[in-house]
Amino acid sequence: MSAIVWYLDRGAALVAYPALYLAVLTGILYNTESFGVLHEAARRVHIEVSVFAMIVTLLHAGLGVFDAWFVVTGQVPAPAYSVPYFLGGVTVGVGALLLLVVSVLGFTDAKRFQRPWGPRVVHSFAYAGFAFGTIHAAAIGTDLIGLLRPVLGPSVAFLVYVLLLRMLVLSEVTPVASTGQ
């Protein structure tokens, strides 16, 4: 039973992370018209990708509770690292989940939030949730160690680059024109 839970949990995690990545990427492009065709594509798929990502993430979280229980109670061998380290990684994952759920609430139940914590600000918690999810994956995703440097790092760096580019575009930074005087 525990092996089945582990495989299902790991499978859900391996689907959830790329789905969350696409949700964040399309979310960055969603409200930025100057990205042209990428903006239009993001407008078409962001909500659907995000819903799928949250469903798979919730599946991973539910299965992860059982998997963590099996590890903590000694019903399965401990991972290649200590149980306290494992529990720390699980805690980071729970933090990621909470941030993602709150960010979804910022979108689905906008009336719940008022300034300065308006729905857009709350929905931006998804970035922090994704960051925590990345730390969670890198910390206790035992089969991700080989992917950490060549894939995970550059892909997250690309997201940060696109986010910074969006911030630059939205800030409407323009050079100061000379008055000719």
C-alpha atoms as a PDB file:
ATOM      1  CA  MET A   1       0.000   0.000   0.000  1.00  0.00           C
ATOM      2  CA  SER A   2       2.735   2.487   0.967  1.00  0.00           C
ATOM      3  CA  ALA A   3       4.602   1.889  -2.305  1.00  0.00           C
ATOM      4  CA  ILE A   4       1.454   2.672  -4.291  1.00  0.00           C
ATOM      5  CA  VAL A   5       0.935   5.865  -2.306  1.00  0.00           C
ATOM      6  CA  TRP A   6       4.574   6.863  -2.886  1.00  0.00           C
ATOM      7  CA  TYR A   7       4.325   6.305  -6.660  1.00  0.00           C
ATOM      8  CA  LEU A   8       1.020   8.181  -6.903  1.00  0.00           C
ATOM      9  CA  ASP A   9       2.360  11.008  -4.728  1.00  0.00           C
ATOM     10  CA  ARG A  10       5.555  11.257  -6.764  1.00  0.00           C
ATOM     11  CA  GLY A  11       3.630  11.088 -10.038  1.00  0.00           C
ATOM     12  CA  ALA A  12       1.268  13.845  -8.919  1.00  0.00           C
ATOM     13  CA  ALA A  13       4.246  15.974  -7.877  1.00  0.00           C
ATOM     14  CA  LEU A  14       5.998  15.430 -11.200  1.00  0.00           C
ATOM     15  CA  VAL A  15       2.861  16.603 -13.032  1.00  0.00           C
ATOM     16  CA  ALA A  16       2.015  19.409 -10.580  1.00  0.00           C
ATOM     17  CA  TYR A  17       5.341  21.223 -10.754  1.00  0.00           C
ATOM     18  CA  PRO A  18       5.450  21.760 -14.536  1.00  0.00           C
ATOM     19  CA  ALA A  19       1.752  22.670 -14.465  1.00  0.00           C
ATOM     20  CA  LEU A  20       2.409  25.245 -11.741  1.00  0.00           C
ATOM     21  CA  TYR A  21       5.364  26.527 -13.782  1.00  0.00           C
ATOM     22  CA  LEU A  22       3.111  27.045 -16.809  1.00  0.00           C
ATOM     23  CA  ALA A  23       0.447  28.653 -14.624  1.00  0.00           C
ATOM     24  CA  VAL A  24       2.988  31.154 -13.289  1.00  0.00           C
ATOM     25  CA  LEU A  25       4.441  31.844 -16.754  1.00  0.00           C
ATOM     26  CA  THR A  26       1.030  32.403 -18.325  1.00  0.00           C
ATOM     27  CA  GLY A  27       0.032  34.464 -15.284  1.00  0.00           C
ATOM     28  CA  ILE A  28       2.988  36.779 -15.836  1.00  0.00           C
ATOM     29  CA  LEU A  29       1.982  37.281 -19.469  1.00  0.00           C
ATOM     30  CA  TYR A  30      -1.777  37.442 -18.820  1.00  0.00           C
ATOM     31  CA  ASN A  31      -2.208  41.197 -18.240  1.00  0.00           C
ATOM     32  CA  THR A  32       0.695  42.531 -20.288  1.00  0.00           C
ATOM     33  CA  GLU A  33      -0.518  43.414 -23.771  1.00  0.00           C
ATOM     34  CA  SER A  34       2.939  44.467 -24.947  1.00  0.00           C
ATOM     35  CA  PHE A  35       3.954  40.789 -25.023  1.00  0.00           C
ATOM     36  CA  GLY A  36       1.739  40.466 -28.123  1.00  0.00           C
ATOM     37  CA  VAL A  37       1.056  36.906 -29.216  1.00  0.00           C
ATOM     38  CA  LEU A  38       2.370  35.517 -25.901  1.00  0.00           C
ATOM     39  CA  HIS A  39      -0.149  37.694 -24.059  1.00  0.00           C
ATOM     40  CA  GLU A  40      -2.968  36.434 -26.285  1.00  0.00           C
ATOM     41  CA  ALA A  41      -1.925  32.812 -25.770  1.00  0.00           C
ATOM     42  CA  ALA A  42      -1.718  33.343 -22.003  1.00  0.00           C
ATOM     43  CA  ARG A  43      -5.225  34.857 -21.979  1.00  0.00           C
ATOM     44  CA  ARG A  44      -6.543  31.714 -23.678  1.00  0.00           C
ATOM     45  CA  VAL A  45      -4.964  29.126 -21.369  1.00  0.00           C
ATOM     46  CA  HIS A  46      -3.984  30.646 -18.007  1.00  0.00           C
ATOM     47  CA  ILE A  47      -7.152  29.861 -16.077  1.00  0.00           C
ATOM     48  CA  GLU A  48      -7.434  26.309 -17.403  1.00  0.00           C
ATOM     49  CA  VAL A  49      -3.760  25.558 -16.762  1.00  0.00           C
ATOM     50  CA  SER A  50      -4.031  27.062 -13.277  1.00  0.00           C
ATOM     51  CA  VAL A  51      -7.109  25.007 -12.397  1.00  0.00           C
ATOM     52  CA  PHE A  52      -5.390  21.838 -13.613  1.00  0.00           C
ATOM     53  CA  ALA A  53      -2.241  22.737 -11.650  1.00  0.00           C
ATOM     54  CA  MET A  54      -4.210  23.299  -8.456  1.00  0.00           C
ATOM     55  CA  ILE A  55      -6.146  20.042  -8.833  1.00  0.00           C
ATOM     56  CA  VAL A  56      -2.940  18.040  -9.279  1.00  0.00           C
ATOM     57  CA  THR A  57      -1.246  19.992  -6.480  1.00  0.00           C
ATOM     58  CA  LEU A  58      -4.127  19.200  -4.120  1.00  0.00           C
ATOM     59  CA  LEU A  59      -3.902  15.540  -5.152  1.00  0.00           C
ATOM     60  CA  HIS A  60      -0.174  15.616  -4.388  1.00  0.00           C
ATOM     61  CA  ALA A  61      -0.845  17.265  -1.022  1.00  0.00           C
ATOM     62  CA  GLY A  62      -3.450  14.675  -0.059  1.00  0.00           C
ATOM     63  CA  LEU A  63      -1.245  11.771  -1.051  1.00  0.00           C
ATOM     64  CA  GLY A  64       1.739  13.490   0.564  1.00  0.00           C
ATOM     65  CA  VAL A  65       0.008  13.424   3.941  1.00  0.00           C
ATOM     66  CA  PHE A  66      -0.207   9.635   3.739  1.00  0.00           C
ATOM     67  CA  ASP A  67       3.330   9.308   2.395  1.00  0.00           C
ATOM     68  CA  ALA A  68       4.722  11.507   5.177  1.00  0.00           C
ATOM     69  CA  TRP A  69       2.762   9.513   7.748  1.00  0.00           C
ATOM     70  CA  PHE A  70       4.336   6.288   6.473  1.00  0.00           C
ATOM     71  CA  VAL A  71       7.821   7.818   6.754  1.00  0.00           C
ATOM     72  CA  VAL A  72       7.317   9.356  10.212  1.00  0.00           C
ATOM     73  CA  THR A  73       5.789   6.198  11.687  1.00  0.00           C
ATOM     74  CA  GLY A  74       8.563   4.038  10.264  1.00  0.00           C
ATOM     75  CA  GLN A  75       6.259   1.970   8.064  1.00  0.00           C
ATOM     76  CA  VAL A  76       8.621   2.649   5.158  1.00  0.00           C
ATOM     77  CA  PRO A  77      12.370   3.188   5.155  1.00  0.00           C
ATOM     78  CA  ALA A  78      13.443   6.771   5.819  1.00  0.00           C
ATOM     79  CA  PRO A  79      14.650   8.737   2.809  1.00  0.00           C
ATOM     80  CA  ALA A  80      18.363   9.259   2.201  1.00  0.00           C
ATOM     81  CA  TYR A  81      18.244  12.241   4.571  1.00  0.00           C
ATOM     82  CA  SER A  82      17.091  12.660   8.159  1.00  0.00           C
ATOM     83  CA  VAL A  83      13.445  12.650   9.208  1.00  0.00           C
ATOM     84  CA  PRO A  84      13.695  16.201  10.663  1.00  0.00           C
ATOM     85  CA  TYR A  85      15.017  17.418   7.286  1.00  0.00           C
ATOM     86  CA  PHE A  86      12.150  15.567   5.594  1.00  0.00           C
ATOM     87  CA  LEU A  87       9.619  17.217   7.913  1.00  0.00           C
ATOM     88  CA  GLY A  88      11.178  20.613   7.181  1.00  0.00           C
ATOM     89  CA  GLY A  89      10.713  19.965   3.470  1.00  0.00           C
ATOM     90  CA  VAL A  90       7.120  18.900   4.082  1.00  0.00           C
ATOM     91  CA  THR A  91       6.531  22.103   6.065  1.00  0.00           C
ATOM     92  CA  VAL A  92       7.834  24.192   3.168  1.00  0.00           C
ATOM     93  CA  GLY A  93       5.449  22.279   0.885  1.00  0.00           C
ATOM     94  CA  VAL A  94       2.534  23.034   3.210  1.00  0.00           C
ATOM     95  CA  GLY A  95       3.527  26.709   3.132  1.00  0.00           C
ATOM     96  CA  ALA A  96       3.547  26.596  -0.668  1.00  0.00           C
ATOM     97  CA  LEU A  97       0.109  25.025  -0.699  1.00  0.00           C
ATOM     98  CA  LEU A  98      -1.309  27.633   1.686  1.00  0.00           C
ATOM     99  CA  LEU A  99       0.088  30.503  -0.379  1.00  0.00           C
ATOM    100  CA  LEU A 100      -1.306  28.981  -3.581  1.00  0.00           C
ATOM    101  CA  VAL A 101      -4.753  28.454  -2.048  1.00  0.00           C
ATOM    102  CA  VAL A 102      -4.835  32.034  -0.770  1.00  0.00           C
ATOM    103  CA  SER A 103      -3.746  33.324  -4.192  1.00  0.00           C
ATOM    104  CA  VAL A 104      -6.578  31.381  -5.817  1.00  0.00           C
ATOM    105  CA  LEU A 105      -9.004  32.901  -3.309  1.00  0.00           C
ATOM    106  CA  GLY A 106      -7.751  36.322  -4.390  1.00  0.00           C
ATOM    107  CA  PHE A 107      -9.054  35.493  -7.850  1.00  0.00           C
ATOM    108  CA  THR A 108     -12.183  33.466  -7.120  1.00  0.00           C
ATOM    109  CA  ASP A 109     -13.472  35.392  -4.085  1.00  0.00           C
ATOM    110  CA  ALA A 110     -12.238  38.911  -4.755  1.00  0.00           C
ATOM    111  CA  LYS A 111     -14.827  40.549  -2.481  1.00  0.00           C
ATOM    112  CA  ARG A 112     -13.208  38.887   0.521  1.00  0.00           C
ATOM    113  CA  PHE A 113     -10.155  41.137   0.195  1.00  0.00           C
ATOM    114  CA  GLN A 114      -9.953  44.891   0.628  1.00  0.00           C
ATOM    115  CA  ARG A 115      -7.153  47.393   0.195  1.00  0.00           C
ATOM    116  CA  PRO A 116      -4.256  47.275   0.661  1.00  0.00           C
ATOM    117  CA  TRP A 117      -4.728  43.522   0.271  1.00  0.00           C
ATOM    118  CA  GLY A 118      -6.853  43.677  -2.871  1.00  0.00           C
ATOM    119  CA  PRO A 119      -7.466  40.661  -5.079  1.00  0.00           C
ATOM    120  CA  ARG A 120      -4.525  41.434  -7.399  1.00  0.00           C
ATOM    121  CA  VAL A 121      -2.104  41.679  -4.485  1.00  0.00           C
ATOM    122  CA  VAL A 122      -3.438  38.467  -2.953  1.00  0.00           C
ATOM    123  CA  HIS A 123      -3.365  36.694  -6.310  1.00  0.00           C
ATOM    124  CA  SER A 124       0.319  37.631  -6.613  1.00  0.00           C
ATOM    125  CA  PHE A 125       0.962  35.336  -3.630  1.00  0.00           C
ATOM    126  CA  ALA A 126       1.118  32.638  -6.316  1.00  0.00           C
ATOM    127  CA  TYR A 127       4.707  33.740  -7.020  1.00  0.00           C
ATOM    128  CA  ALA A 128       5.709  33.094  -3.415  1.00  0.00           C
ATOM    129  CA  GLY A 129       3.767  29.822  -3.441  1.00  0.00           C
ATOM    130  CA  PHE A 130       5.648  28.710  -6.546  1.00  0.00           C
ATOM    131  CA  ALA A 131       8.965  29.727  -4.952  1.00  0.00           C
ATOM    132  CA  PHE A 132       8.144  27.683  -1.845  1.00  0.00           C
ATOM    133  CA  GLY A 133       7.071  24.794  -4.091  1.00  0.00           C
ATOM    134  CA  THR A 134      10.415  24.977  -5.883  1.00  0.00           C
ATOM    135  CA  ILE A 135      12.280  24.858  -2.578  1.00  0.00           C
ATOM    136  CA  HIS A 136      10.066  21.944  -1.499  1.00  0.00           C
ATOM    137  CA  ALA A 137      10.814  20.050  -4.725  1.00  0.00           C
ATOM    138  CA  ALA A 138      14.545  20.696  -4.506  1.00  0.00           C
ATOM    139  CA  ALA A 139      14.723  19.840  -0.798  1.00  0.00           C
ATOM    140  CA  ILE A 140      12.851  16.540  -0.651  1.00  0.00           C
ATOM    141  CA  GLY A 141      12.361  15.554  -4.279  1.00  0.00           C
ATOM    142  CA  THR A 142      14.984  12.819  -4.035  1.00  0.00           C
ATOM    143  CA  ASP A 143      15.001  12.162  -7.768  1.00  0.00           C
ATOM    144  CA  LEU A 144      15.375  15.844  -8.667  1.00  0.00           C
ATOM    145  CA  ILE A 145      18.938  16.263  -7.421  1.00  0.00           C
ATOM    146  CA  GLY A 146      20.355  15.537 -10.891  1.00  0.00           C
ATOM    147  CA  LEU A 147      17.942  18.019 -12.479  1.00  0.00           C
ATOM    148  CA  LEU A 148      18.530  20.812 -10.003  1.00  0.00           C
ATOM    149  CA  ARG A 149      21.436  22.535 -11.687  1.00  0.00           C
ATOM    150  CA  PRO A 150      20.776  21.879 -15.397  1.00  0.00           C
ATOM    151  CA  VAL A 151      16.973  22.288 -15.471  1.00  0.00           C
ATOM    152  CA  LEU A 152      15.375  23.663 -12.316  1.00  0.00           C
ATOM    153  CA  GLY A 153      17.758  26.592 -11.827  1.00  0.00           C
ATOM    154  CA  PRO A 154      17.666  27.929 -15.405  1.00  0.00           C
ATOM    155  CA  SER A 155      13.896  27.460 -15.722  1.00  0.00           C
ATOM    156  CA  VAL A 156      13.254  29.432 -12.527  1.00  0.00           C
ATOM    157  CA  ALA A 157      15.780  32.051 -13.681  1.00  0.00           C
ATOM    158  CA  PHE A 158      13.780  32.360 -16.912  1.00  0.00           C
ATOM    159  CA  LEU A 159      10.582  32.984 -14.929  1.00  0.00           C
ATOM    160  CA  VAL A 160      12.341  35.672 -12.895  1.00  0.00           C
ATOM    161  CA  TYR A 161      13.630  37.220 -16.136  1.00  0.00           C
ATOM    162  CA  VAL A 162      10.126  37.324 -17.664  1.00  0.00           C
ATOM    163  CA  LEU A 163       8.700  38.749 -14.433  1.00  0.00           C
ATOM    164  CA  LEU A 164      11.367  41.471 -14.321  1.00  0.00           C
ATOM    165  CA  LEU A 165      10.768  42.215 -18.001  1.00  0.00           C
ATOM    166  CA  ARG A 166       7.044  42.540 -17.275  1.00  0.00           C
ATOM    167  CA  MET A 167       7.742  44.875 -14.372  1.00  0.00           C
ATOM    168  CA  LEU A 168       9.978  46.983 -16.595  1.00  0.00           C
ATOM    169  CA  VAL A 169       7.341  47.148 -19.339  1.00  0.00           C
ATOM    170  CA  LEU A 170       4.562  48.005 -16.895  1.00  0.00           C
ATOM    171  CA  SER A 171       6.616  50.701 -15.179  1.00  0.00           C
ATOM    172  CA  GLU A 172       6.658  52.566 -18.506  1.00  0.00           C
ATOM    173  CA  VAL A 173      10.233  53.631 -18.057  1.00  0.00           C
ATOM    174  CA  THR A 174      10.876  56.262 -20.683  1.00  0.00           C
ATOM    175  CA  PRO A 175      13.941  58.415 -21.140  1.00  0.00           C
ATOM    176  CA  VAL A 176      13.595  62.024 -20.095  1.00  0.00           C
ATOM    177  CA  ALA A 177      13.186  64.126 -23.212  1.00  0.00           C
ATOM    178  CA  SER A 178      15.295  67.224 -23.470  1.00  0.00           C
ATOM    179  CA  THR A 179      13.404  70.489 -23.753  1.00  0.00           C
ATOM    180  CA  GLY A 180      15.992  72.044 -26.017  1.00  0.00           C
ATOM    181  CA  GLN A 181      16.577  74.981 -23.676  1.00  0.00           C
END
